[in-house]
Amino acid sequence: MKFIAIVGTNAKQSYNRKLLQFMKKHFESKAEIELLEITDVPMFNQSDNQSYCEVIQRFNDKITACDGVIMATPEYNHSIPSGLKSLIEWLSFDLHPLAGKPVMIVGASLGTQGSSRAQLHLRQILDAPGVDANVMPGYEFLLGRANTAFDDAGNLNNEGTVDFLEICFLRFLRFAKIANQLNEEEEFSFEPGEYEVNAIGHSGNLPMKVSFSEKRIESIKIDTKGETEGIADVVFVRIPDKIIEGQTLNVDALSGASETSNGVIDGVAKAVKLAGVNPDILKRRPKPASSRIREDEEYTCDVVVVGGGGAGLSAAATVLQNGCSAIVLEKYPAVGGNTIRSGGPVNAADPKWQMRFEENPGERHTLEALLSTDESEIHSEYLEDFRGLKEEFAAYQNKFGTQKGHLFDSPLLHRIQTYFGGKRTDLNGSTIYGQYDLVKILTDRALESVNWLEE
C-alpha cells in the first residue's frame, strides 16, 4: 500500500518529522510511505483562491492517488499549527481529496500527553463537512517527552513504544483496506426512459426532460422560455454538456449565472432519482475531464480586448475589419454585457429618417419645457449647444406653426438630453455631469455607430 505522511509543522527541527521518518523506515516492508512538508503551503484566504497553485495541487494529486494519509501534529495552545489548518482548508475549499480517505493521526510533544488535545481537535476538523476524511478510531499514538524518545540514529528507543506503534500501524493497514472498499462506487442501473422534472431557475420554473439508458444520462432538454435571453443561454448548453461528458453531477456553476446553473444541476438530480438512482452517487463522482484541465495554454494574436460587452465586441470587430486578429477576454458566461441586458437599443439622432414620421402628442411641450431652463443653470461647456438647440427648435416652430410636424431630433438635442440626464449632486454636495468632449463624440457620431452595426 502507498501512504502519504504529512508533517504537520513548518518548524525546521521537529520531533513529528522524526516520528514519520522512523515510521517510513520501520514499516518499509509493509507499505510505502512518502513524506510531504507543509512549509510552502500558503495561508488560507478564500478571497485569493490558491487551490490550483503548484503546492496545493501536489498535495491534491498525491492524496487522491494514495491508499491513506498519516498526519503527524504537534500541539500549540491545545490545537494544531496554523500551517496544517491552512492545508486542510485548501483541501476542503474547492478540492476535496480527503473525502472518504483513510487517515491515521499520530503526534509528538515535549509534554507527557503527546499532543492529545491537538489530536482530538484534528479529528473534529477532519470530520467536518467538506473535509469528510475517514479517521481511524481509537489506537491513538501519543508520543510524550519526544526530546528523549529517539536515539542518535533517529529510532524510537523504547521497545514498548515501538510495539504499540506497530499495533497502531497494522490496524491502519486493515482499516485503510476496508475503508477504501467503502469508497468504491455503488453499482446502479437507471430505469431507461425520458423523465419530466421542474427545477427552479433564476426567473422561476425551469421545465426539463432528461433521458436515460440503463447506464448513462443520454440527453438533457431544457425549456428556457422563462429565463433571461442571452445571459443564461450558455448555461443551457455548457452545464448539460459537462454532466453528460462526465456522467456526473459534480459540475461547477457558471460565474454570473449560478442560480440558473444550480437549477439545471438540481433538475437533473431530480430526474436521476426518478430513474431509480440516488443522485448523491453522481455528486461524488469526479468533475468531468475538461473541467480538470489546469495547465497553462498560450495563444497568439494582434490585439487583446479585455471585456466582452458592446464596447469590447465593437473594438474586436474593428480589429478584424483591419485585417488583424483579436482575443476577447470576458469573465461572465455570456458576452454582450449591459448591451444584452438592456435589449440592445442604441440612441442616435437621424433627422432625415425621422422626418418620415409625425411628431408624437405632447412632444413640443416636452421640448419647450426643456428649453425654458434658465441659462444660469447650464454649465459653460454646454451653453453654446443649448443656445444652438434653441435656434433649431425655433426654426422648426416657424416652419410648422400650429400644424402637425415631423419628429424633431438632432445631435444637439441628444447632447443636451445627455447633459441633463447625467447632471446630479454627488455625495460631497458638488454638481457633476458628463465630460463634454466625450458626450460630444457620443452624440455627434452615434449615427455612425448605428450604420456600422447595420453593415
Protein backbone atom coordinates (compact mmCIF):
# COMPACT_ATOMS: atom_id res chain seq x y z
CA MET A 1 0.00 0.00 0.00
CA LYS A 2 1.04 3.60 -0.59
CA PHE A 3 0.57 6.17 2.19
CA ILE A 4 1.18 9.92 2.25
CA ALA A 5 2.59 11.18 5.56
CA ILE A 6 2.03 14.89 6.23
CA VAL A 7 4.47 16.65 8.54
CA GLY A 8 2.04 18.91 10.39
CA THR A 9 4.51 21.68 11.18
CA ASN A 10 6.75 24.07 9.28
CA ALA A 11 9.39 24.08 12.04
CA LYS A 12 12.90 23.25 10.81
CA GLN A 13 13.52 20.93 13.78
CA SER A 14 10.53 18.73 14.54
CA TYR A 15 10.01 15.54 16.54
CA ASN A 16 6.88 14.90 14.47
CA ARG A 17 9.03 14.83 11.34
CA LYS A 18 11.41 12.44 13.14
CA LEU A 19 8.46 10.20 14.05
CA LEU A 20 7.27 10.00 10.44
CA GLN A 21 10.82 9.37 9.19
CA PHE A 22 11.07 6.49 11.68
CA MET A 23 7.73 5.08 10.50
CA LYS A 24 8.82 5.31 6.85
CA LYS A 25 11.96 3.30 7.60
CA HIS A 26 10.50 0.88 10.17
CA PHE A 27 7.44 -0.10 8.08
CA GLU A 28 9.07 -0.09 4.63
CA SER A 29 8.41 -3.83 4.22
CA LYS A 30 4.68 -3.33 4.88
CA ALA A 31 3.89 -0.11 3.00
CA GLU A 32 5.47 2.71 1.01
CA ILE A 33 5.35 5.98 2.95
CA GLU A 34 6.10 9.32 1.30
CA LEU A 35 6.58 12.42 3.49
CA LEU A 36 5.10 15.77 2.42
CA GLU A 37 6.09 19.07 4.06
CA ILE A 38 3.68 21.98 4.62
CA THR A 39 6.45 24.61 4.60
CA ASP A 40 5.30 26.25 1.34
CA VAL A 41 1.54 25.97 1.89
CA PRO A 42 0.00 29.48 1.61
CA MET A 43 -2.18 30.78 4.42
CA PHE A 44 -5.83 30.08 3.63
CA ASN A 45 -7.70 33.05 2.17
CA GLN A 46 -10.97 32.39 0.38
CA SER A 47 -10.72 35.76 -1.40
CA ASP A 48 -7.49 34.62 -3.08
CA ASN A 49 -8.12 31.06 -4.24
CA GLN A 50 -4.80 29.18 -4.31
CA SER A 51 -6.41 25.76 -4.80
CA TYR A 52 -4.72 25.31 -8.16
CA CYS A 53 -1.26 26.56 -7.29
CA GLU A 54 1.57 24.06 -7.65
CA VAL A 55 1.92 23.36 -3.90
CA ILE A 56 -1.77 22.61 -3.24
CA GLN A 57 -2.12 20.66 -6.47
CA ARG A 58 0.80 18.47 -5.40
CA PHE A 59 -0.96 17.61 -2.13
CA ASN A 60 -4.25 17.08 -4.00
CA ASP A 61 -2.73 14.72 -6.57
CA LYS A 62 -0.67 12.75 -4.05
CA ILE A 63 -3.57 12.31 -1.61
CA THR A 64 -6.01 11.39 -4.38
CA ALA A 65 -3.69 8.68 -5.68
CA CYS A 66 -2.65 7.16 -2.31
CA ASP A 67 -4.31 4.46 -0.20
CA GLY A 68 -4.30 6.50 3.01
CA VAL A 69 -2.88 9.52 4.84
CA ILE A 70 -0.87 9.72 8.06
CA MET A 71 -0.91 13.11 9.78
CA ALA A 72 1.60 13.98 12.49
CA THR A 73 0.72 17.03 14.55
CA PRO A 74 2.43 18.89 17.37
CA GLU A 75 0.30 20.81 19.87
CA TYR A 76 0.14 24.58 20.25
CA ASN A 77 -2.40 26.15 22.63
CA HIS A 78 -4.42 22.91 22.76
CA SER A 79 -4.70 22.81 18.96
CA ILE A 80 -2.88 22.10 15.70
CA PRO A 81 -0.45 24.50 13.97
CA SER A 82 -1.95 27.13 11.67
CA GLY A 83 0.03 25.79 8.70
CA LEU A 84 -1.64 22.39 8.99
CA LYS A 85 -5.06 24.04 9.41
CA SER A 86 -4.48 26.09 6.24
CA LEU A 87 -3.61 22.96 4.30
CA ILE A 88 -6.83 21.26 5.38
CA GLU A 89 -8.79 24.42 4.48
CA TRP A 90 -7.33 24.39 0.96
CA LEU A 91 -8.12 20.68 0.65
CA SER A 92 -11.78 21.26 1.52
CA PHE A 93 -12.50 24.60 -0.22
CA ASP A 94 -12.51 23.87 -3.95
CA LEU A 95 -10.77 20.48 -3.82
CA HIS A 96 -11.83 17.51 -1.70
CA PRO A 97 -9.14 14.80 -1.88
CA LEU A 98 -9.59 13.85 1.79
CA ALA A 99 -13.27 12.90 1.35
CA GLY A 100 -13.56 9.24 2.35
CA LYS A 101 -9.77 8.91 2.56
CA PRO A 102 -8.47 6.71 5.43
CA VAL A 103 -6.45 8.86 7.88
CA MET A 104 -4.23 7.86 10.78
CA ILE A 105 -3.32 10.55 13.33
CA VAL A 106 -0.06 10.49 15.30
CA GLY A 107 1.65 13.19 17.30
CA ALA A 108 4.69 14.02 19.40
CA SER A 109 5.22 16.70 22.01
CA LEU A 110 7.59 17.57 24.84
CA GLY A 111 4.83 17.10 27.42
CA THR A 112 3.62 13.81 28.81
CA GLN A 113 0.30 13.81 26.92
CA GLY A 114 1.87 13.65 23.46
CA SER A 115 -0.30 16.22 21.61
CA SER A 116 -3.52 14.58 22.84
CA ARG A 117 -5.62 17.75 22.68
CA ALA A 118 -4.29 18.68 19.25
CA GLN A 119 -5.12 15.17 18.00
CA LEU A 120 -8.64 15.44 19.38
CA HIS A 121 -9.11 18.80 17.64
CA LEU A 122 -7.66 17.41 14.41
CA ARG A 123 -10.18 14.57 14.49
CA GLN A 124 -13.01 17.10 14.77
CA ILE A 125 -11.63 19.14 11.86
CA LEU A 126 -11.20 16.09 9.62
CA ASP A 127 -14.78 15.04 10.37
CA ALA A 128 -16.19 18.41 9.23
CA PRO A 129 -18.48 18.60 6.17
CA GLY A 130 -16.34 19.38 3.14
CA VAL A 131 -13.34 17.52 4.59
CA ASP A 132 -15.16 14.23 5.33
CA ALA A 133 -11.99 12.22 5.99
CA ASN A 134 -12.37 8.68 7.34
CA VAL A 135 -10.25 8.87 10.51
CA MET A 136 -9.24 5.59 12.14
CA PRO A 137 -10.98 5.40 15.54
CA GLY A 138 -9.06 4.55 18.71
CA TYR A 139 -5.41 3.46 18.56
CA GLU A 140 -4.17 6.96 19.32
CA PHE A 141 -0.40 7.15 19.13
CA LEU A 142 0.67 9.89 21.56
CA LEU A 143 4.45 10.27 21.83
CA GLY A 144 5.22 12.21 25.03
CA ARG A 145 8.63 13.56 26.12
CA ALA A 146 9.65 13.44 22.48
CA ASN A 147 13.01 15.07 23.25
CA THR A 148 14.12 11.83 24.97
CA ALA A 149 12.23 9.35 22.75
CA PHE A 150 14.79 8.99 19.91
CA ASP A 151 18.34 7.68 19.81
CA ASP A 152 21.13 9.24 17.77
CA ALA A 153 20.11 7.22 14.69
CA GLY A 154 16.55 8.63 14.82
CA ASN A 155 14.97 5.42 16.09
CA LEU A 156 12.47 5.22 18.93
CA ASN A 157 14.43 3.98 21.91
CA ASN A 158 11.61 2.40 23.94
CA GLU A 159 10.61 -1.12 22.92
CA GLY A 160 7.09 -0.79 24.36
CA THR A 161 6.53 2.42 22.37
CA VAL A 162 7.64 0.70 19.17
CA ASP A 163 5.37 -2.27 19.90
CA PHE A 164 2.34 -0.02 20.35
CA LEU A 165 3.18 1.96 17.17
CA GLU A 166 3.34 -1.34 15.29
CA ILE A 167 -0.09 -2.34 16.58
CA CYS A 168 -1.49 1.04 15.54
CA PHE A 169 0.06 0.84 12.09
CA LEU A 170 -1.04 -2.76 11.45
CA ARG A 171 -4.56 -1.75 12.43
CA PHE A 172 -4.33 1.19 9.99
CA LEU A 173 -3.32 -1.17 7.17
CA ARG A 174 -6.50 -3.17 7.76
CA PHE A 175 -8.59 -0.04 8.31
CA ALA A 176 -7.36 1.53 5.04
CA LYS A 177 -8.14 -1.62 3.07
CA ILE A 178 -11.72 -1.78 4.40
CA ALA A 179 -12.30 1.99 4.15
CA ASN A 180 -11.18 2.07 0.51
CA GLN A 181 -13.64 -0.70 -0.28
CA LEU A 182 -16.37 1.54 1.16
CA ASN A 183 -15.22 4.30 -1.20
CA GLU A 184 -15.90 2.17 -4.26
CA GLU A 185 -18.94 3.42 -6.13
CA GLU A 186 -22.18 1.53 -5.55
CA GLU A 187 -23.41 -0.43 -8.55
CA PHE A 188 -26.54 1.02 -10.10
CA SER A 189 -28.72 0.97 -13.20
CA PHE A 190 -31.08 3.66 -14.43
CA GLU A 191 -34.64 2.79 -15.37
CA PRO A 192 -34.42 3.70 -19.10
CA GLY A 193 -36.76 6.38 -20.37
CA GLU A 194 -37.43 10.12 -20.50
CA TYR A 195 -38.37 11.90 -17.27
CA GLU A 196 -40.00 15.32 -16.99
CA VAL A 197 -38.99 17.46 -14.00
CA ASN A 198 -39.25 21.07 -12.85
CA ALA A 199 -36.33 22.92 -11.29
CA ILE A 200 -36.05 26.50 -10.02
CA GLY A 201 -34.03 28.82 -12.25
CA HIS A 202 -33.19 32.50 -11.82
CA SER A 203 -36.57 33.63 -13.16
CA GLY A 204 -38.76 30.83 -11.81
CA ASN A 205 -39.83 27.44 -13.10
CA LEU A 206 -37.41 25.55 -15.35
CA PRO A 207 -39.11 22.57 -17.08
CA MET A 208 -36.68 19.83 -18.16
CA LYS A 209 -36.73 16.45 -19.92
CA VAL A 210 -33.88 14.05 -19.09
CA SER A 211 -33.38 10.78 -20.95
CA PHE A 212 -31.56 7.72 -19.59
CA SER A 213 -30.29 4.44 -20.91
CA GLU A 214 -29.50 1.72 -18.40
CA LYS A 215 -26.04 3.10 -17.54
CA ARG A 216 -25.96 6.65 -18.90
CA ILE A 217 -27.63 10.04 -18.92
CA GLU A 218 -28.24 10.37 -22.66
CA SER A 219 -29.80 13.81 -23.12
CA ILE A 220 -30.95 16.90 -21.21
CA LYS A 221 -33.57 19.14 -22.81
CA ILE A 222 -34.49 22.41 -21.10
CA ASP A 223 -37.45 24.72 -21.71
CA THR A 224 -35.75 28.10 -21.42
CA LYS A 225 -38.67 30.45 -22.14
CA GLY A 226 -38.75 31.78 -18.58
CA GLU A 227 -35.04 32.68 -18.36
CA THR A 228 -33.24 35.86 -19.44
CA GLU A 229 -32.36 35.53 -23.10
CA GLY A 230 -28.65 35.93 -23.79
CA ILE A 231 -27.40 35.95 -20.20
CA ALA A 232 -28.20 32.37 -19.25
CA ASP A 233 -28.14 30.82 -22.73
CA VAL A 234 -24.65 29.38 -22.31
CA VAL A 235 -25.73 27.63 -19.08
CA PHE A 236 -28.28 25.57 -21.00
CA VAL A 237 -25.52 24.29 -23.27
CA ARG A 238 -22.46 24.03 -21.05
CA ILE A 239 -23.95 22.53 -17.87
CA PRO A 240 -25.77 19.68 -19.69
CA ASP A 241 -22.64 19.05 -21.79
CA LYS A 242 -20.49 18.77 -18.65
CA ILE A 243 -22.99 16.46 -16.92
CA ILE A 244 -23.19 14.15 -19.93
CA GLU A 245 -19.42 14.26 -20.58
CA GLY A 246 -18.51 13.09 -17.08
CA GLN A 247 -21.78 11.31 -16.22
CA THR A 248 -21.54 13.31 -13.02
CA LEU A 249 -23.44 15.92 -11.04
CA ASN A 250 -20.16 17.29 -9.66
CA VAL A 251 -20.23 20.22 -12.07
CA ASP A 252 -19.15 23.81 -11.40
CA ALA A 253 -21.77 26.57 -11.68
CA LEU A 254 -21.00 29.31 -14.20
CA SER A 255 -19.96 32.73 -12.95
CA GLY A 256 -22.74 35.29 -13.40
CA ALA A 257 -25.41 32.60 -13.79
CA SER A 258 -25.01 30.50 -10.65
CA GLU A 259 -28.74 30.32 -9.83
CA THR A 260 -29.61 29.00 -13.26
CA SER A 261 -26.60 26.64 -13.25
CA ASN A 262 -27.64 25.12 -9.93
CA GLY A 263 -31.22 24.94 -11.15
CA VAL A 264 -30.13 22.77 -14.09
CA ILE A 265 -27.99 20.54 -11.84
CA ASP A 266 -30.84 20.16 -9.31
CA GLY A 267 -33.29 19.34 -12.09
CA VAL A 268 -31.08 16.57 -13.43
CA ALA A 269 -30.67 15.26 -9.86
CA LYS A 270 -34.46 15.03 -9.57
CA ALA A 271 -34.61 13.08 -12.84
CA VAL A 272 -31.83 10.74 -11.65
CA LYS A 273 -33.90 9.97 -8.57
CA LEU A 274 -37.00 9.32 -10.70
CA ALA A 275 -34.88 6.91 -12.76
CA GLY A 276 -34.26 4.89 -9.60
CA VAL A 277 -30.76 6.04 -8.64
CA ASN A 278 -29.56 8.04 -5.63
CA PRO A 279 -28.21 11.35 -7.08
CA ASP A 280 -25.55 11.52 -4.33
CA ILE A 281 -23.72 8.72 -6.17
CA LEU A 282 -23.27 11.01 -9.17
CA LYS A 283 -22.46 14.01 -6.96
CA ARG A 284 -19.49 12.11 -5.52
CA ARG A 285 -18.03 11.36 -8.93
CA PRO A 286 -15.04 13.40 -10.17
CA LYS A 287 -15.59 16.53 -12.21
CA PRO A 288 -15.62 15.97 -15.99
CA ALA A 289 -12.17 15.68 -17.56
CA SER A 290 -12.46 19.01 -19.40
CA SER A 291 -13.03 20.80 -16.05
CA ARG A 292 -9.87 19.34 -14.55
CA ILE A 293 -7.51 20.78 -17.18
CA ARG A 294 -5.43 23.38 -15.36
CA GLU A 295 -2.26 23.59 -17.47
CA ASP A 296 -1.28 26.94 -18.94
CA GLU A 297 -2.14 27.47 -22.59
CA GLU A 298 -0.57 30.05 -24.88
CA TYR A 299 -2.47 31.98 -27.54
CA THR A 300 -1.12 34.49 -30.07
CA CYS A 301 -3.00 37.43 -31.56
CA ASP A 302 -2.50 41.04 -32.62
CA VAL A 303 -4.83 42.67 -30.07
CA VAL A 304 -6.27 41.55 -26.72
CA VAL A 305 -9.60 43.15 -25.79
CA VAL A 306 -10.50 42.97 -22.09
CA GLY A 307 -14.27 42.89 -21.67
CA GLY A 308 -16.85 41.36 -24.00
CA GLY A 309 -19.60 43.95 -23.67
CA GLY A 310 -20.87 46.11 -26.50
CA ALA A 311 -17.75 48.30 -26.50
CA GLY A 312 -15.35 45.34 -26.33
CA LEU A 313 -17.07 43.46 -29.14
CA SER A 314 -17.10 46.62 -31.27
CA ALA A 315 -13.38 47.06 -30.67
CA ALA A 316 -12.72 43.42 -31.61
CA ALA A 317 -14.82 43.74 -34.77
CA THR A 318 -12.83 46.84 -35.76
CA VAL A 319 -9.60 44.88 -35.29
CA LEU A 320 -10.91 42.17 -37.61
CA GLN A 321 -12.06 44.74 -40.18
CA ASN A 322 -8.50 46.00 -40.30
CA GLY A 323 -7.14 42.55 -41.14
CA CYS A 324 -5.78 41.71 -37.68
CA SER A 325 -6.62 39.02 -35.14
CA ALA A 326 -8.16 39.58 -31.70
CA ILE A 327 -8.84 37.70 -28.49
CA VAL A 328 -11.70 38.93 -26.27
CA LEU A 329 -11.46 38.15 -22.54
CA GLU A 330 -14.80 38.02 -20.71
CA LYS A 331 -15.27 36.65 -17.18
CA TYR A 332 -19.02 36.06 -17.43
CA PRO A 333 -20.51 33.07 -19.28
CA ALA A 334 -22.14 35.24 -21.95
CA VAL A 335 -20.89 38.20 -23.98
CA GLY A 336 -22.77 41.43 -24.56
CA GLY A 337 -22.76 42.88 -21.05
CA ASN A 338 -25.23 45.71 -20.42
CA THR A 339 -25.95 45.91 -24.15
CA ILE A 340 -27.56 42.47 -23.96
CA ARG A 341 -29.26 43.13 -20.61
CA SER A 342 -30.90 46.31 -21.96
CA GLY A 343 -32.18 44.51 -25.05
CA GLY A 344 -29.69 46.14 -27.40
CA PRO A 345 -31.19 49.58 -28.27
CA VAL A 346 -28.85 52.33 -29.49
CA ASN A 347 -29.77 56.02 -29.19
CA ALA A 348 -28.85 58.06 -32.25
CA ALA A 349 -30.36 61.14 -33.88
CA ASP A 350 -31.19 60.63 -37.60
CA PRO A 351 -33.16 63.75 -38.59
CA LYS A 352 -33.52 62.82 -42.28
CA TRP A 353 -35.02 59.42 -41.47
CA GLN A 354 -37.13 60.80 -38.62
CA MET A 355 -38.76 63.37 -40.92
CA ARG A 356 -40.77 60.47 -42.34
CA PHE A 357 -42.73 60.19 -39.07
CA GLU A 358 -45.26 62.51 -37.45
CA GLU A 359 -44.40 64.13 -34.16
CA ASN A 360 -45.73 62.46 -31.03
CA PRO A 361 -48.51 64.11 -28.99
CA GLY A 362 -47.06 66.35 -26.30
CA GLU A 363 -43.56 66.27 -27.79
CA ARG A 364 -43.36 70.02 -28.41
CA HIS A 365 -44.49 70.69 -24.85
CA THR A 366 -41.65 68.49 -23.56
CA LEU A 367 -39.11 70.32 -25.71
CA GLU A 368 -40.46 73.73 -24.69
CA ALA A 369 -40.10 72.76 -21.02
CA LEU A 370 -36.53 71.63 -21.60
CA LEU A 371 -35.55 74.80 -23.47
CA SER A 372 -37.16 77.07 -20.88
CA THR A 373 -34.38 76.16 -18.43
CA ASP A 374 -32.62 79.30 -17.20
CA GLU A 375 -29.19 79.64 -18.82
CA SER A 376 -27.65 80.23 -15.39
CA GLU A 377 -28.31 76.55 -14.68
CA ILE A 378 -26.36 75.42 -17.78
CA HIS A 379 -22.64 74.80 -17.37
CA SER A 380 -20.43 76.87 -19.63
CA GLU A 381 -19.23 73.96 -21.80
CA TYR A 382 -22.81 73.17 -22.83
CA LEU A 383 -24.19 76.73 -23.07
CA GLU A 384 -23.35 77.27 -26.75
CA ASP A 385 -25.00 73.96 -27.69
CA PHE A 386 -28.05 74.84 -25.58
CA ARG A 387 -28.45 78.09 -27.49
CA GLY A 388 -27.92 76.25 -30.79
CA LEU A 389 -30.68 73.81 -29.89
CA LYS A 390 -33.00 76.72 -29.14
CA GLU A 391 -32.36 78.09 -32.65
CA GLU A 392 -33.03 74.68 -34.25
CA PHE A 393 -36.33 74.29 -32.42
CA ALA A 394 -37.37 77.89 -33.19
CA ALA A 395 -36.85 77.17 -36.91
CA TYR A 396 -38.97 74.02 -36.55
CA GLN A 397 -41.74 76.00 -34.83
CA ASN A 398 -41.69 78.67 -37.53
CA LYS A 399 -41.93 76.02 -40.26
CA PHE A 400 -44.95 74.18 -38.89
CA GLY A 401 -46.65 76.70 -36.63
CA THR A 402 -49.73 75.04 -35.18
CA GLN A 403 -49.72 72.34 -37.87
CA LYS A 404 -48.58 68.80 -37.04
CA GLY A 405 -44.93 68.42 -37.92
CA HIS A 406 -42.46 65.57 -38.24
CA LEU A 407 -40.42 64.10 -35.41
CA PHE A 408 -37.92 66.65 -34.19
CA ASP A 409 -34.43 65.41 -33.37
CA SER A 410 -30.80 66.44 -33.76
CA PRO A 411 -27.35 65.66 -32.32
CA LEU A 412 -27.68 68.87 -30.26
CA LEU A 413 -30.91 67.61 -28.65
CA HIS A 414 -29.20 64.26 -27.96
CA ARG A 415 -26.29 66.13 -26.36
CA ILE A 416 -28.41 68.38 -24.14
CA GLN A 417 -30.61 65.47 -23.05
CA THR A 418 -27.46 63.51 -22.17
CA TYR A 419 -26.18 66.53 -20.21
CA PHE A 420 -29.39 66.87 -18.18
CA GLY A 421 -29.67 63.10 -17.76
CA GLY A 422 -26.22 62.89 -16.18
CA LYS A 423 -26.36 66.08 -14.13
CA ARG A 424 -26.63 65.32 -10.42
CA THR A 425 -25.23 66.05 -6.96
CA ASP A 426 -22.51 63.74 -5.62
CA LEU A 427 -22.03 62.62 -2.00
CA ASN A 428 -19.89 65.69 -1.30
CA GLY A 429 -22.63 68.08 -2.42
CA SER A 430 -20.91 69.02 -5.70
CA THR A 431 -22.74 69.11 -9.05
CA ILE A 432 -21.34 66.61 -11.56
CA TYR A 433 -22.23 65.97 -15.21
CA GLY A 434 -20.93 64.26 -18.32
CA GLN A 435 -17.48 65.24 -19.62
CA TYR A 436 -18.21 67.50 -22.58
CA ASP A 437 -15.68 66.22 -25.12
CA LEU A 438 -16.78 62.61 -24.59
CA VAL A 439 -20.50 63.45 -24.70
CA LYS A 440 -19.89 65.42 -27.92
CA ILE A 441 -18.21 62.44 -29.58
CA LEU A 442 -21.03 60.16 -28.40
CA THR A 443 -23.84 62.34 -29.72
CA ASP A 444 -22.16 63.56 -32.94
CA ARG A 445 -21.10 60.07 -34.00
CA ALA A 446 -23.84 57.83 -32.62
CA LEU A 447 -25.42 57.54 -36.07
CA GLU A 448 -22.09 56.33 -37.44
CA SER A 449 -22.23 53.53 -34.87
CA VAL A 450 -25.72 52.51 -35.99
CA ASN A 451 -24.66 52.47 -39.65
CA TRP A 452 -21.53 50.47 -38.76
CA LEU A 453 -23.59 47.90 -36.84
CA GLU A 454 -26.01 47.59 -39.76
CA GLU A 455 -23.11 46.83 -42.08
